[in-house]
Amino acid sequence: MTGKTRAERDGRRGEGWAALYLMAKGWRIVARQARIGHGRGIGEVDLIARRWGVLAFVEVKWRRDARALDTAIDERRLQRVARVAEALAPRLMRPDEVVRIDVILLAPWQWPRHMTHVWQP
């Protein structure tokens, strides 16, 4: 298995764990791997979840080493998530619902780190 294939597999597994974590906290998963655009203009968000008047666009990062999580998210990645949120929120939002962008960081033997409101679309 190539390094890229393993990373993709681990990333998808991390998204599954993040979805389970959110559901245990009372969130409902609205979509997984939501994409917009094509070519260089493509944007993707790992999870879209809803709870108590909040529609959250969630970027999930999995790393084999918990120390690598500190640099897993940067402004460029969050801008791509923000583009997806801006495009999809009008179709998914309910009246009086707020939109936010969250990040969940995962590593083996570590409790998930859920960061809320990391970017305001």
C-alpha atoms as a PDB file:
ATOM      1  CA  MET A   1       0.000   0.000   0.000  1.00  0.00           C
ATOM      2  CA  THR A   2       1.408   3.377  -0.957  1.00  0.00           C
ATOM      3  CA  GLY A   3       1.829   6.205   1.511  1.00  0.00           C
ATOM      4  CA  LYS A   4      -0.913   8.244  -0.167  1.00  0.00           C
ATOM      5  CA  THR A   5      -3.349   5.320  -0.149  1.00  0.00           C
ATOM      6  CA  ARG A   6      -2.657   4.685   3.536  1.00  0.00           C
ATOM      7  CA  ALA A   7      -3.103   8.377   4.345  1.00  0.00           C
ATOM      8  CA  GLU A   8      -6.429   8.449   2.498  1.00  0.00           C
ATOM      9  CA  ARG A   9      -7.601   5.317   4.294  1.00  0.00           C
ATOM     10  CA  ASP A  10      -6.548   6.719   7.664  1.00  0.00           C
ATOM     11  CA  GLY A  11      -8.214  10.028   6.846  1.00  0.00           C
ATOM     12  CA  ARG A  12     -11.520   8.344   5.976  1.00  0.00           C
ATOM     13  CA  ARG A  13     -11.292   6.290   9.154  1.00  0.00           C
ATOM     14  CA  GLY A  14     -10.665   9.489  11.105  1.00  0.00           C
ATOM     15  CA  GLU A  15     -13.747  11.063   9.534  1.00  0.00           C
ATOM     16  CA  GLY A  16     -15.769   8.058  10.670  1.00  0.00           C
ATOM     17  CA  TRP A  17     -14.465   8.384  14.225  1.00  0.00           C
ATOM     18  CA  ALA A  18     -15.186  12.115  14.190  1.00  0.00           C
ATOM     19  CA  ALA A  19     -18.748  11.459  13.011  1.00  0.00           C
ATOM     20  CA  LEU A  20     -19.262   8.934  15.829  1.00  0.00           C
ATOM     21  CA  TYR A  21     -17.833  11.428  18.320  1.00  0.00           C
ATOM     22  CA  LEU A  22     -20.205  14.157  17.138  1.00  0.00           C
ATOM     23  CA  MET A  23     -23.216  11.826  17.190  1.00  0.00           C
ATOM     24  CA  ALA A  24     -22.353  10.819  20.764  1.00  0.00           C
ATOM     25  CA  LYS A  25     -22.470  14.534  21.602  1.00  0.00           C
ATOM     26  CA  GLY A  26     -25.963  14.857  20.095  1.00  0.00           C
ATOM     27  CA  TRP A  27     -25.068  16.086  16.592  1.00  0.00           C
ATOM     28  CA  ARG A  28     -26.818  14.773  13.500  1.00  0.00           C
ATOM     29  CA  ILE A  29     -24.570  14.230  10.479  1.00  0.00           C
ATOM     30  CA  VAL A  30     -26.095  16.024   7.484  1.00  0.00           C
ATOM     31  CA  ALA A  31     -23.399  15.175   4.917  1.00  0.00           C
ATOM     32  CA  ARG A  32     -19.955  13.597   4.545  1.00  0.00           C
ATOM     33  CA  GLN A  33     -17.266  14.652   2.078  1.00  0.00           C
ATOM     34  CA  ALA A  34     -19.358  17.482   0.650  1.00  0.00           C
ATOM     35  CA  ARG A  35     -17.735  19.034  -2.433  1.00  0.00           C
ATOM     36  CA  ILE A  36     -18.268  22.021  -4.650  1.00  0.00           C
ATOM     37  CA  GLY A  37     -16.630  23.115  -7.893  1.00  0.00           C
ATOM     38  CA  HIS A  38     -14.124  21.313 -10.054  1.00  0.00           C
ATOM     39  CA  GLY A  39     -10.467  21.634 -11.023  1.00  0.00           C
ATOM     40  CA  ARG A  40      -8.532  24.180  -8.981  1.00  0.00           C
ATOM     41  CA  GLY A  41     -11.749  25.729  -7.678  1.00  0.00           C
ATOM     42  CA  ILE A  42     -12.805  22.600  -5.850  1.00  0.00           C
ATOM     43  CA  GLY A  43     -13.600  22.728  -2.195  1.00  0.00           C
ATOM     44  CA  GLU A  44     -14.418  19.943   0.219  1.00  0.00           C
ATOM     45  CA  VAL A  45     -15.524  19.632   3.805  1.00  0.00           C
ATOM     46  CA  ASP A  46     -15.331  16.360   5.677  1.00  0.00           C
ATOM     47  CA  LEU A  47     -18.545  16.561   7.705  1.00  0.00           C
ATOM     48  CA  ILE A  48     -21.585  18.783   7.967  1.00  0.00           C
ATOM     49  CA  ALA A  49     -23.452  18.408  11.238  1.00  0.00           C
ATOM     50  CA  ARG A  50     -26.464  19.996  12.925  1.00  0.00           C
ATOM     51  CA  ARG A  51     -27.408  20.475  16.569  1.00  0.00           C
ATOM     52  CA  TRP A  52     -29.501  22.979  18.523  1.00  0.00           C
ATOM     53  CA  GLY A  53     -29.685  25.721  15.918  1.00  0.00           C
ATOM     54  CA  VAL A  54     -26.111  25.316  14.674  1.00  0.00           C
ATOM     55  CA  LEU A  55     -25.041  24.053  11.246  1.00  0.00           C
ATOM     56  CA  ALA A  56     -21.358  23.142  11.531  1.00  0.00           C
ATOM     57  CA  PHE A  57     -18.977  22.522   8.653  1.00  0.00           C
ATOM     58  CA  VAL A  58     -16.322  20.281  10.196  1.00  0.00           C
ATOM     59  CA  GLU A  59     -12.792  19.715   8.935  1.00  0.00           C
ATOM     60  CA  VAL A  60     -11.271  16.506  10.339  1.00  0.00           C
ATOM     61  CA  LYS A  61      -7.548  15.905  10.623  1.00  0.00           C
ATOM     62  CA  TRP A  62      -5.995  12.583  11.566  1.00  0.00           C
ATOM     63  CA  ARG A  63      -2.327  12.213  12.362  1.00  0.00           C
ATOM     64  CA  ARG A  64      -0.387   9.175  13.551  1.00  0.00           C
ATOM     65  CA  ASP A  65       1.550  11.415  15.953  1.00  0.00           C
ATOM     66  CA  ALA A  66      -0.443  13.730  18.241  1.00  0.00           C
ATOM     67  CA  ARG A  67       2.341  16.340  18.067  1.00  0.00           C
ATOM     68  CA  ALA A  68       1.704  16.703  14.323  1.00  0.00           C
ATOM     69  CA  LEU A  69      -1.853  17.877  15.020  1.00  0.00           C
ATOM     70  CA  ASP A  70      -0.578  21.299  16.070  1.00  0.00           C
ATOM     71  CA  THR A  71       0.269  22.076  12.427  1.00  0.00           C
ATOM     72  CA  ALA A  72      -2.489  20.062  10.725  1.00  0.00           C
ATOM     73  CA  ILE A  73      -4.751  23.069  10.061  1.00  0.00           C
ATOM     74  CA  ASP A  74      -3.738  26.245   8.312  1.00  0.00           C
ATOM     75  CA  GLU A  75      -5.471  29.252   6.815  1.00  0.00           C
ATOM     76  CA  ARG A  76      -5.475  27.824   3.285  1.00  0.00           C
ATOM     77  CA  ARG A  77      -7.343  24.695   4.387  1.00  0.00           C
ATOM     78  CA  LEU A  78      -9.843  26.735   6.372  1.00  0.00           C
ATOM     79  CA  GLN A  79     -10.461  29.016   3.384  1.00  0.00           C
ATOM     80  CA  ARG A  80     -11.413  25.960   1.291  1.00  0.00           C
ATOM     81  CA  VAL A  81     -13.856  24.853   3.975  1.00  0.00           C
ATOM     82  CA  ALA A  82     -15.238  28.403   4.139  1.00  0.00           C
ATOM     83  CA  ARG A  83     -15.887  28.351   0.364  1.00  0.00           C
ATOM     84  CA  VAL A  84     -17.876  25.153   0.745  1.00  0.00           C
ATOM     85  CA  ALA A  85     -19.784  26.561   3.719  1.00  0.00           C
ATOM     86  CA  GLU A  86     -20.670  29.741   1.816  1.00  0.00           C
ATOM     87  CA  ALA A  87     -21.888  27.712  -1.165  1.00  0.00           C
ATOM     88  CA  LEU A  88     -23.851  25.040   0.699  1.00  0.00           C
ATOM     89  CA  ALA A  89     -25.163  26.867   3.775  1.00  0.00           C
ATOM     90  CA  PRO A  90     -28.005  28.671   1.954  1.00  0.00           C
ATOM     91  CA  ARG A  91     -29.361  25.287   0.777  1.00  0.00           C
ATOM     92  CA  LEU A  92     -28.920  23.504   4.115  1.00  0.00           C
ATOM     93  CA  MET A  93     -29.678  26.167   6.709  1.00  0.00           C
ATOM     94  CA  ARG A  94     -32.942  26.230   8.586  1.00  0.00           C
ATOM     95  CA  PRO A  95     -34.530  29.487   9.749  1.00  0.00           C
ATOM     96  CA  ASP A  96     -32.741  30.965  12.791  1.00  0.00           C
ATOM     97  CA  GLU A  97     -29.820  28.563  12.388  1.00  0.00           C
ATOM     98  CA  VAL A  98     -26.252  29.844  12.632  1.00  0.00           C
ATOM     99  CA  VAL A  99     -23.322  28.565  10.589  1.00  0.00           C
ATOM    100  CA  ARG A 100     -19.880  27.890  11.932  1.00  0.00           C
ATOM    101  CA  ILE A 101     -16.710  26.067  10.957  1.00  0.00           C
ATOM    102  CA  ASP A 102     -15.218  23.573  13.384  1.00  0.00           C
ATOM    103  CA  VAL A 103     -12.154  21.343  13.369  1.00  0.00           C
ATOM    104  CA  ILE A 104     -11.743  17.931  14.958  1.00  0.00           C
ATOM    105  CA  LEU A 105      -8.178  16.715  15.465  1.00  0.00           C
ATOM    106  CA  LEU A 106      -7.554  12.994  15.989  1.00  0.00           C
ATOM    107  CA  ALA A 107      -4.540  10.835  16.810  1.00  0.00           C
ATOM    108  CA  PRO A 108      -4.159   7.320  18.205  1.00  0.00           C
ATOM    109  CA  TRP A 109      -4.818   7.026  21.938  1.00  0.00           C
ATOM    110  CA  GLN A 110      -5.814  10.695  22.192  1.00  0.00           C
ATOM    111  CA  TRP A 111      -9.228  12.081  23.039  1.00  0.00           C
ATOM    112  CA  PRO A 112     -10.644  14.006  20.027  1.00  0.00           C
ATOM    113  CA  ARG A 113      -9.880  17.719  20.127  1.00  0.00           C
ATOM    114  CA  HIS A 114     -13.007  19.581  18.925  1.00  0.00           C
ATOM    115  CA  MET A 115     -12.312  23.222  18.175  1.00  0.00           C
ATOM    116  CA  THR A 116     -15.391  25.360  17.535  1.00  0.00           C
ATOM    117  CA  HIS A 117     -15.788  28.610  15.606  1.00  0.00           C
ATOM    118  CA  VAL A 118     -12.320  28.377  14.067  1.00  0.00           C
ATOM    119  CA  TRP A 119     -13.386  30.415  11.047  1.00  0.00           C
ATOM    120  CA  GLN A 120     -16.343  32.684  10.428  1.00  0.00           C
ATOM    121  CA  PRO A 121     -17.762  32.477   6.901  1.00  0.00           C
END
